[in-house]
Amino acid sequence: CSDEGVPSLSSSVTLTLQISDVNDNA
């Protein structure tokens, strides 16, 4: 996320997402 100032200041965050399985392969 960044602001529109000059110079611009920003902050970051990292989100971890696990994908759970469904039985979609024979």
mmCIF file of all heavy atoms, coordinates in Angstrom:
data_MODEL
# 
_entry.id   MODEL 
# 
loop_
_atom_site.group_PDB 
_atom_site.id 
_atom_site.type_symbol 
_atom_site.label_atom_id 
_atom_site.label_alt_id 
_atom_site.label_comp_id 
_atom_site.label_asym_id 
_atom_site.label_entity_id 
_atom_site.label_seq_id 
_atom_site.pdbx_PDB_ins_code 
_atom_site.Cartn_x 
_atom_site.Cartn_y 
_atom_site.Cartn_z 
_atom_site.occupancy 
_atom_site.B_iso_or_equiv 
_atom_site.pdbx_formal_charge 
_atom_site.auth_seq_id 
_atom_site.auth_comp_id 
_atom_site.auth_asym_id 
_atom_site.auth_atom_id 
_atom_site.pdbx_PDB_model_num 
ATOM 1   N N   . CYS A 1 1  ? 0.859   -1.196  0.000   1.00 0.00 ? 1  CYS A N   1 
ATOM 2   C CA  . CYS A 1 1  ? 0.000   0.000   0.000   1.00 0.00 ? 1  CYS A CA  1 
ATOM 3   C C   . CYS A 1 1  ? 0.894   1.244   0.000   1.00 0.00 ? 1  CYS A C   1 
ATOM 4   O O   . CYS A 1 1  ? 1.789   1.369   0.838   1.00 0.00 ? 1  CYS A O   1 
ATOM 5   C CB  . CYS A 1 1  ? -0.914  0.004   1.213   1.00 0.00 ? 1  CYS A CB  1 
ATOM 6   S SG  . CYS A 1 1  ? -2.087  -1.376  1.223   1.00 0.00 ? 1  CYS A SG  1 
ATOM 7   N N   . SER A 1 2  ? 0.633   2.138   -0.937  1.00 0.00 ? 2  SER A N   1 
ATOM 8   C CA  . SER A 1 2  ? 1.453   3.352   -1.092  1.00 0.00 ? 2  SER A CA  1 
ATOM 9   C C   . SER A 1 2  ? 0.562   4.579   -1.094  1.00 0.00 ? 2  SER A C   1 
ATOM 10  O O   . SER A 1 2  ? -0.595  4.537   -1.535  1.00 0.00 ? 2  SER A O   1 
ATOM 11  C CB  . SER A 1 2  ? 2.246   3.297   -2.409  1.00 0.00 ? 2  SER A CB  1 
ATOM 12  O OG  . SER A 1 2  ? 2.991   2.100   -2.506  1.00 0.00 ? 2  SER A OG  1 
ATOM 13  N N   . ASP A 1 3  ? 1.096   5.702   -0.554  1.00 0.00 ? 3  ASP A N   1 
ATOM 14  C CA  . ASP A 1 3  ? 0.363   6.956   -0.662  1.00 0.00 ? 3  ASP A CA  1 
ATOM 15  C C   . ASP A 1 3  ? 0.812   7.698   -1.913  1.00 0.00 ? 3  ASP A C   1 
ATOM 16  O O   . ASP A 1 3  ? 1.706   7.260   -2.636  1.00 0.00 ? 3  ASP A O   1 
ATOM 17  C CB  . ASP A 1 3  ? 0.520   7.809   0.602   1.00 0.00 ? 3  ASP A CB  1 
ATOM 18  C CG  . ASP A 1 3  ? 1.972   8.169   0.908   1.00 0.00 ? 3  ASP A CG  1 
ATOM 19  O OD1 . ASP A 1 3  ? 2.753   8.334   -0.047  1.00 0.00 ? 3  ASP A OD1 1 
ATOM 20  O OD2 . ASP A 1 3  ? 2.324   8.285   2.102   1.00 0.00 ? 3  ASP A OD2 1 
ATOM 21  N N   . GLU A 1 4  ? 0.171   8.856   -2.183  1.00 0.00 ? 4  GLU A N   1 
ATOM 22  C CA  . GLU A 1 4  ? 0.457   9.605   -3.402  1.00 0.00 ? 4  GLU A CA  1 
ATOM 23  C C   . GLU A 1 4  ? 1.351   10.809  -3.134  1.00 0.00 ? 4  GLU A C   1 
ATOM 24  O O   . GLU A 1 4  ? 1.442   11.721  -3.949  1.00 0.00 ? 4  GLU A O   1 
ATOM 25  C CB  . GLU A 1 4  ? -0.855  10.045  -4.056  1.00 0.00 ? 4  GLU A CB  1 
ATOM 26  C CG  . GLU A 1 4  ? -1.715  8.878   -4.504  1.00 0.00 ? 4  GLU A CG  1 
ATOM 27  C CD  . GLU A 1 4  ? -2.976  9.318   -5.217  1.00 0.00 ? 4  GLU A CD  1 
ATOM 28  O OE1 . GLU A 1 4  ? -3.087  10.521  -5.542  1.00 0.00 ? 4  GLU A OE1 1 
ATOM 29  O OE2 . GLU A 1 4  ? -3.847  8.461   -5.468  1.00 0.00 ? 4  GLU A OE2 1 
ATOM 30  N N   . GLY A 1 5  ? 2.032   10.816  -1.968  1.00 0.00 ? 5  GLY A N   1 
ATOM 31  C CA  . GLY A 1 5  ? 2.951   11.911  -1.666  1.00 0.00 ? 5  GLY A CA  1 
ATOM 32  C C   . GLY A 1 5  ? 4.211   11.824  -2.509  1.00 0.00 ? 5  GLY A C   1 
ATOM 33  O O   . GLY A 1 5  ? 4.466   10.837  -3.216  1.00 0.00 ? 5  GLY A O   1 
ATOM 34  N N   . VAL A 1 6  ? 4.997   12.890  -2.481  1.00 0.00 ? 6  VAL A N   1 
ATOM 35  C CA  . VAL A 1 6  ? 6.276   12.923  -3.202  1.00 0.00 ? 6  VAL A CA  1 
ATOM 36  C C   . VAL A 1 6  ? 7.370   13.266  -2.197  1.00 0.00 ? 6  VAL A C   1 
ATOM 37  O O   . VAL A 1 6  ? 7.392   14.365  -1.651  1.00 0.00 ? 6  VAL A O   1 
ATOM 38  C CB  . VAL A 1 6  ? 6.250   13.978  -4.332  1.00 0.00 ? 6  VAL A CB  1 
ATOM 39  C CG1 . VAL A 1 6  ? 7.592   14.013  -5.060  1.00 0.00 ? 6  VAL A CG1 1 
ATOM 40  C CG2 . VAL A 1 6  ? 5.136   13.660  -5.308  1.00 0.00 ? 6  VAL A CG2 1 
ATOM 41  N N   . PRO A 1 7  ? 8.309   12.311  -1.904  1.00 0.00 ? 7  PRO A N   1 
ATOM 42  C CA  . PRO A 1 7  ? 8.292   10.930  -2.426  1.00 0.00 ? 7  PRO A CA  1 
ATOM 43  C C   . PRO A 1 7  ? 7.220   10.104  -1.726  1.00 0.00 ? 7  PRO A C   1 
ATOM 44  O O   . PRO A 1 7  ? 6.821   10.394  -0.605  1.00 0.00 ? 7  PRO A O   1 
ATOM 45  C CB  . PRO A 1 7  ? 9.694   10.422  -2.070  1.00 0.00 ? 7  PRO A CB  1 
ATOM 46  C CG  . PRO A 1 7  ? 10.069  11.204  -0.860  1.00 0.00 ? 7  PRO A CG  1 
ATOM 47  C CD  . PRO A 1 7  ? 9.476   12.578  -1.043  1.00 0.00 ? 7  PRO A CD  1 
ATOM 48  N N   . SER A 1 8  ? 6.768   9.045   -2.423  1.00 0.00 ? 8  SER A N   1 
ATOM 49  C CA  . SER A 1 8  ? 5.715   8.194   -1.891  1.00 0.00 ? 8  SER A CA  1 
ATOM 50  C C   . SER A 1 8  ? 6.260   7.303   -0.781  1.00 0.00 ? 8  SER A C   1 
ATOM 51  O O   . SER A 1 8  ? 7.392   6.825   -0.841  1.00 0.00 ? 8  SER A O   1 
ATOM 52  C CB  . SER A 1 8  ? 5.133   7.331   -3.010  1.00 0.00 ? 8  SER A CB  1 
ATOM 53  O OG  . SER A 1 8  ? 4.168   6.440   -2.505  1.00 0.00 ? 8  SER A OG  1 
ATOM 54  N N   . LEU A 1 9  ? 5.423   7.080   0.264   1.00 0.00 ? 9  LEU A N   1 
ATOM 55  C CA  . LEU A 1 9  ? 5.753   6.147   1.339   1.00 0.00 ? 9  LEU A CA  1 
ATOM 56  C C   . LEU A 1 9  ? 4.842   4.931   1.227   1.00 0.00 ? 9  LEU A C   1 
ATOM 57  O O   . LEU A 1 9  ? 3.683   5.051   0.813   1.00 0.00 ? 9  LEU A O   1 
ATOM 58  C CB  . LEU A 1 9  ? 5.586   6.807   2.709   1.00 0.00 ? 9  LEU A CB  1 
ATOM 59  C CG  . LEU A 1 9  ? 6.451   8.038   2.986   1.00 0.00 ? 9  LEU A CG  1 
ATOM 60  C CD1 . LEU A 1 9  ? 6.146   8.604   4.366   1.00 0.00 ? 9  LEU A CD1 1 
ATOM 61  C CD2 . LEU A 1 9  ? 7.927   7.695   2.881   1.00 0.00 ? 9  LEU A CD2 1 
ATOM 62  N N   . SER A 1 10 ? 5.372   3.756   1.572   1.00 0.00 ? 10 SER A N   1 
ATOM 63  C CA  . SER A 1 10 ? 4.590   2.538   1.409   1.00 0.00 ? 10 SER A CA  1 
ATOM 64  C C   . SER A 1 10 ? 4.839   1.577   2.561   1.00 0.00 ? 10 SER A C   1 
ATOM 65  O O   . SER A 1 10 ? 5.837   1.671   3.281   1.00 0.00 ? 10 SER A O   1 
ATOM 66  C CB  . SER A 1 10 ? 4.925   1.856   0.081   1.00 0.00 ? 10 SER A CB  1 
ATOM 67  O OG  . SER A 1 10 ? 6.283   1.460   0.065   1.00 0.00 ? 10 SER A OG  1 
ATOM 68  N N   . SER A 1 11 ? 3.899   0.633   2.726   1.00 0.00 ? 11 SER A N   1 
ATOM 69  C CA  . SER A 1 11 ? 4.010   -0.455  3.676   1.00 0.00 ? 11 SER A CA  1 
ATOM 70  C C   . SER A 1 11 ? 3.549   -1.729  2.989   1.00 0.00 ? 11 SER A C   1 
ATOM 71  O O   . SER A 1 11 ? 2.718   -1.691  2.076   1.00 0.00 ? 11 SER A O   1 
ATOM 72  C CB  . SER A 1 11 ? 3.150   -0.198  4.923   1.00 0.00 ? 11 SER A CB  1 
ATOM 73  O OG  . SER A 1 11 ? 3.562   0.979   5.587   1.00 0.00 ? 11 SER A OG  1 
ATOM 74  N N   . SER A 1 12 ? 4.102   -2.869  3.425   1.00 0.00 ? 12 SER A N   1 
ATOM 75  C CA  . SER A 1 12 ? 3.754   -4.149  2.816   1.00 0.00 ? 12 SER A CA  1 
ATOM 76  C C   . SER A 1 12 ? 3.404   -5.161  3.892   1.00 0.00 ? 12 SER A C   1 
ATOM 77  O O   . SER A 1 12 ? 3.862   -5.069  5.037   1.00 0.00 ? 12 SER A O   1 
ATOM 78  C CB  . SER A 1 12 ? 4.909   -4.682  1.959   1.00 0.00 ? 12 SER A CB  1 
ATOM 79  O OG  . SER A 1 12 ? 5.194   -3.813  0.890   1.00 0.00 ? 12 SER A OG  1 
ATOM 80  N N   . VAL A 1 13 ? 2.595   -6.136  3.504   1.00 0.00 ? 13 VAL A N   1 
ATOM 81  C CA  . VAL A 1 13 ? 2.277   -7.262  4.376   1.00 0.00 ? 13 VAL A CA  1 
ATOM 82  C C   . VAL A 1 13 ? 2.170   -8.507  3.491   1.00 0.00 ? 13 VAL A C   1 
ATOM 83  O O   . VAL A 1 13 ? 1.697   -8.439  2.357   1.00 0.00 ? 13 VAL A O   1 
ATOM 84  C CB  . VAL A 1 13 ? 0.964   -7.001  5.147   1.00 0.00 ? 13 VAL A CB  1 
ATOM 85  C CG1 . VAL A 1 13 ? -0.222  -6.907  4.211   1.00 0.00 ? 13 VAL A CG1 1 
ATOM 86  C CG2 . VAL A 1 13 ? 0.738   -8.081  6.188   1.00 0.00 ? 13 VAL A CG2 1 
ATOM 87  N N   . THR A 1 14 ? 2.675   -9.640  3.997   1.00 0.00 ? 14 THR A N   1 
ATOM 88  C CA  . THR A 1 14 ? 2.630   -10.894 3.245   1.00 0.00 ? 14 THR A CA  1 
ATOM 89  C C   . THR A 1 14 ? 1.636   -11.837 3.906   1.00 0.00 ? 14 THR A C   1 
ATOM 90  O O   . THR A 1 14 ? 1.705   -12.097 5.114   1.00 0.00 ? 14 THR A O   1 
ATOM 91  C CB  . THR A 1 14 ? 4.022   -11.549 3.185   1.00 0.00 ? 14 THR A CB  1 
ATOM 92  O OG1 . THR A 1 14 ? 4.920   -10.662 2.517   1.00 0.00 ? 14 THR A OG1 1 
ATOM 93  C CG2 . THR A 1 14 ? 3.968   -12.858 2.419   1.00 0.00 ? 14 THR A CG2 1 
ATOM 94  N N   . LEU A 1 15 ? 0.683   -12.322 3.108   1.00 0.00 ? 15 LEU A N   1 
ATOM 95  C CA  . LEU A 1 15 ? -0.363  -13.218 3.584   1.00 0.00 ? 15 LEU A CA  1 
ATOM 96  C C   . LEU A 1 15 ? -0.077  -14.624 3.074   1.00 0.00 ? 15 LEU A C   1 
ATOM 97  O O   . LEU A 1 15 ? 0.215   -14.814 1.887   1.00 0.00 ? 15 LEU A O   1 
ATOM 98  C CB  . LEU A 1 15 ? -1.734  -12.748 3.084   1.00 0.00 ? 15 LEU A CB  1 
ATOM 99  C CG  . LEU A 1 15 ? -2.078  -11.284 3.368   1.00 0.00 ? 15 LEU A CG  1 
ATOM 100 C CD1 . LEU A 1 15 ? -3.322  -10.873 2.615   1.00 0.00 ? 15 LEU A CD1 1 
ATOM 101 C CD2 . LEU A 1 15 ? -2.270  -11.066 4.857   1.00 0.00 ? 15 LEU A CD2 1 
ATOM 102 N N   . THR A 1 16 ? -0.146  -15.629 3.939   1.00 0.00 ? 16 THR A N   1 
ATOM 103 C CA  . THR A 1 16 ? 0.074   -17.019 3.559   1.00 0.00 ? 16 THR A CA  1 
ATOM 104 C C   . THR A 1 16 ? -1.279  -17.729 3.453   1.00 0.00 ? 16 THR A C   1 
ATOM 105 O O   . THR A 1 16 ? -2.081  -17.693 4.395   1.00 0.00 ? 16 THR A O   1 
ATOM 106 C CB  . THR A 1 16 ? 0.959   -17.742 4.596   1.00 0.00 ? 16 THR A CB  1 
ATOM 107 O OG1 . THR A 1 16 ? 2.219   -17.071 4.655   1.00 0.00 ? 16 THR A OG1 1 
ATOM 108 C CG2 . THR A 1 16 ? 1.193   -19.181 4.192   1.00 0.00 ? 16 THR A CG2 1 
ATOM 109 N N   . LEU A 1 17 ? -1.519  -18.370 2.301   1.00 0.00 ? 17 LEU A N   1 
ATOM 110 C CA  . LEU A 1 17 ? -2.793  -19.031 2.030   1.00 0.00 ? 17 LEU A CA  1 
ATOM 111 C C   . LEU A 1 17 ? -2.539  -20.478 1.631   1.00 0.00 ? 17 LEU A C   1 
ATOM 112 O O   . LEU A 1 17 ? -1.797  -20.748 0.675   1.00 0.00 ? 17 LEU A O   1 
ATOM 113 C CB  . LEU A 1 17 ? -3.549  -18.294 0.915   1.00 0.00 ? 17 LEU A CB  1 
ATOM 114 C CG  . LEU A 1 17 ? -4.928  -18.830 0.564   1.00 0.00 ? 17 LEU A CG  1 
ATOM 115 C CD1 . LEU A 1 17 ? -5.887  -18.611 1.731   1.00 0.00 ? 17 LEU A CD1 1 
ATOM 116 C CD2 . LEU A 1 17 ? -5.452  -18.158 -0.702  1.00 0.00 ? 17 LEU A CD2 1 
ATOM 117 N N   . GLN A 1 18 ? -3.124  -21.429 2.369   1.00 0.00 ? 18 GLN A N   1 
ATOM 118 C CA  . GLN A 1 18 ? -3.053  -22.849 2.040   1.00 0.00 ? 18 GLN A CA  1 
ATOM 119 C C   . GLN A 1 18 ? -4.268  -23.233 1.186   1.00 0.00 ? 18 GLN A C   1 
ATOM 120 O O   . GLN A 1 18 ? -5.392  -22.812 1.470   1.00 0.00 ? 18 GLN A O   1 
ATOM 121 C CB  . GLN A 1 18 ? -3.031  -23.694 3.320   1.00 0.00 ? 18 GLN A CB  1 
ATOM 122 C CG  . GLN A 1 18 ? -1.883  -23.386 4.269   1.00 0.00 ? 18 GLN A CG  1 
ATOM 123 C CD  . GLN A 1 18 ? -0.540  -23.810 3.712   1.00 0.00 ? 18 GLN A CD  1 
ATOM 124 O OE1 . GLN A 1 18 ? -0.466  -24.753 2.916   1.00 0.00 ? 18 GLN A OE1 1 
ATOM 125 N NE2 . GLN A 1 18 ? 0.516   -23.115 4.110   1.00 0.00 ? 18 GLN A NE2 1 
ATOM 126 N N   . ILE A 1 19 ? -4.025  -24.046 0.157   1.00 0.00 ? 19 ILE A N   1 
ATOM 127 C CA  . ILE A 1 19 ? -5.099  -24.516 -0.720  1.00 0.00 ? 19 ILE A CA  1 
ATOM 128 C C   . ILE A 1 19 ? -5.455  -25.936 -0.288  1.00 0.00 ? 19 ILE A C   1 
ATOM 129 O O   . ILE A 1 19 ? -4.600  -26.831 -0.307  1.00 0.00 ? 19 ILE A O   1 
ATOM 130 C CB  . ILE A 1 19 ? -4.676  -24.489 -2.198  1.00 0.00 ? 19 ILE A CB  1 
ATOM 131 C CG1 . ILE A 1 19 ? -4.102  -23.108 -2.563  1.00 0.00 ? 19 ILE A CG1 1 
ATOM 132 C CG2 . ILE A 1 19 ? -5.854  -24.835 -3.090  1.00 0.00 ? 19 ILE A CG2 1 
ATOM 133 C CD1 . ILE A 1 19 ? -5.058  -21.969 -2.349  1.00 0.00 ? 19 ILE A CD1 1 
ATOM 134 N N   . SER A 1 20 ? -6.711  -26.137 0.140   1.00 0.00 ? 20 SER A N   1 
ATOM 135 C CA  . SER A 1 20 ? -7.132  -27.471 0.582   1.00 0.00 ? 20 SER A CA  1 
ATOM 136 C C   . SER A 1 20 ? -7.672  -28.285 -0.606  1.00 0.00 ? 20 SER A C   1 
ATOM 137 O O   . SER A 1 20 ? -8.189  -27.731 -1.577  1.00 0.00 ? 20 SER A O   1 
ATOM 138 C CB  . SER A 1 20 ? -8.184  -27.356 1.682   1.00 0.00 ? 20 SER A CB  1 
ATOM 139 O OG  . SER A 1 20 ? -9.317  -26.652 1.203   1.00 0.00 ? 20 SER A OG  1 
ATOM 140 N N   . ASP A 1 21 ? -7.560  -29.601 -0.496  1.00 0.00 ? 21 ASP A N   1 
ATOM 141 C CA  . ASP A 1 21 ? -7.838  -30.507 -1.620  1.00 0.00 ? 21 ASP A CA  1 
ATOM 142 C C   . ASP A 1 21 ? -9.322  -30.837 -1.731  1.00 0.00 ? 21 ASP A C   1 
ATOM 143 O O   . ASP A 1 21 ? -10.032 -30.933 -0.735  1.00 0.00 ? 21 ASP A O   1 
ATOM 144 C CB  . ASP A 1 21 ? -7.023  -31.789 -1.418  1.00 0.00 ? 21 ASP A CB  1 
ATOM 145 C CG  . ASP A 1 21 ? -7.110  -32.714 -2.619  1.00 0.00 ? 21 ASP A CG  1 
ATOM 146 O OD1 . ASP A 1 21 ? -7.088  -32.185 -3.747  1.00 0.00 ? 21 ASP A OD1 1 
ATOM 147 O OD2 . ASP A 1 21 ? -7.190  -33.937 -2.419  1.00 0.00 ? 21 ASP A OD2 1 
ATOM 148 N N   . VAL A 1 22 ? -9.788  -31.004 -2.976  1.00 0.00 ? 22 VAL A N   1 
ATOM 149 C CA  . VAL A 1 22 ? -11.070 -31.645 -3.264  1.00 0.00 ? 22 VAL A CA  1 
ATOM 150 C C   . VAL A 1 22 ? -10.782 -32.801 -4.207  1.00 0.00 ? 22 VAL A C   1 
ATOM 151 O O   . VAL A 1 22 ? -9.764  -32.812 -4.928  1.00 0.00 ? 22 VAL A O   1 
ATOM 152 C CB  . VAL A 1 22 ? -12.088 -30.664 -3.887  1.00 0.00 ? 22 VAL A CB  1 
ATOM 153 C CG1 . VAL A 1 22 ? -12.430 -29.569 -2.908  1.00 0.00 ? 22 VAL A CG1 1 
ATOM 154 C CG2 . VAL A 1 22 ? -11.571 -30.077 -5.196  1.00 0.00 ? 22 VAL A CG2 1 
ATOM 155 N N   . ASN A 1 23 ? -11.637 -33.781 -4.237  1.00 0.00 ? 23 ASN A N   1 
ATOM 156 C CA  . ASN A 1 23 ? -11.402 -34.984 -5.049  1.00 0.00 ? 23 ASN A CA  1 
ATOM 157 C C   . ASN A 1 23 ? -11.800 -34.706 -6.496  1.00 0.00 ? 23 ASN A C   1 
ATOM 158 O O   . ASN A 1 23 ? -12.882 -35.090 -6.957  1.00 0.00 ? 23 ASN A O   1 
ATOM 159 C CB  . ASN A 1 23 ? -12.190 -36.164 -4.474  1.00 0.00 ? 23 ASN A CB  1 
ATOM 160 C CG  . ASN A 1 23 ? -11.743 -37.480 -5.093  1.00 0.00 ? 23 ASN A CG  1 
ATOM 161 O OD1 . ASN A 1 23 ? -10.617 -37.589 -5.569  1.00 0.00 ? 23 ASN A OD1 1 
ATOM 162 N ND2 . ASN A 1 23 ? -12.624 -38.471 -5.082  1.00 0.00 ? 23 ASN A ND2 1 
ATOM 163 N N   . ASP A 1 24 ? -10.886 -34.010 -7.200  1.00 0.00 ? 24 ASP A N   1 
ATOM 164 C CA  . ASP A 1 24 ? -11.187 -33.619 -8.582  1.00 0.00 ? 24 ASP A CA  1 
ATOM 165 C C   . ASP A 1 24 ? -10.302 -34.343 -9.601  1.00 0.00 ? 24 ASP A C   1 
ATOM 166 O O   . ASP A 1 24 ? -10.211 -33.943 -10.757 1.00 0.00 ? 24 ASP A O   1 
ATOM 167 C CB  . ASP A 1 24 ? -11.047 -32.102 -8.746  1.00 0.00 ? 24 ASP A CB  1 
ATOM 168 C CG  . ASP A 1 24 ? -9.684  -31.602 -8.337  1.00 0.00 ? 24 ASP A CG  1 
ATOM 169 O OD1 . ASP A 1 24 ? -8.900  -32.396 -7.772  1.00 0.00 ? 24 ASP A OD1 1 
ATOM 170 O OD2 . ASP A 1 24 ? -9.394  -30.407 -8.582  1.00 0.00 ? 24 ASP A OD2 1 
ATOM 171 N N   . ASN A 1 25 ? -9.599  -35.438 -9.185  1.00 0.00 ? 25 ASN A N   1 
ATOM 172 C CA  . ASN A 1 25 ? -8.781  -36.225 -10.111 1.00 0.00 ? 25 ASN A CA  1 
ATOM 173 C C   . ASN A 1 25 ? -9.081  -37.704 -9.913  1.00 0.00 ? 25 ASN A C   1 
ATOM 174 O O   . ASN A 1 25 ? -9.067  -38.217 -8.786  1.00 0.00 ? 25 ASN A O   1 
ATOM 175 C CB  . ASN A 1 25 ? -7.288  -35.974 -9.855  1.00 0.00 ? 25 ASN A CB  1 
ATOM 176 C CG  . ASN A 1 25 ? -6.866  -34.565 -10.239 1.00 0.00 ? 25 ASN A CG  1 
ATOM 177 O OD1 . ASN A 1 25 ? -6.598  -34.286 -11.395 1.00 0.00 ? 25 ASN A OD1 1 
ATOM 178 N ND2 . ASN A 1 25 ? -6.849  -33.667 -9.246  1.00 0.00 ? 25 ASN A ND2 1 
ATOM 179 N N   . ALA A 1 26 ? -9.344  -38.417 -11.031 1.00 0.00 ? 26 ALA A N   1 
ATOM 180 C CA  . ALA A 1 26 ? -9.553  -39.870 -10.989 1.00 0.00 ? 26 ALA A CA  1 
ATOM 181 C C   . ALA A 1 26 ? -8.205  -40.586 -11.042 1.00 0.00 ? 26 ALA A C   1 
ATOM 182 O O   . ALA A 1 26 ? -7.220  -40.034 -11.555 1.00 0.00 ? 26 ALA A O   1 
ATOM 183 C CB  . ALA A 1 26 ? -10.419 -40.299 -12.164 1.00 0.00 ? 26 ALA A CB  1 
# 
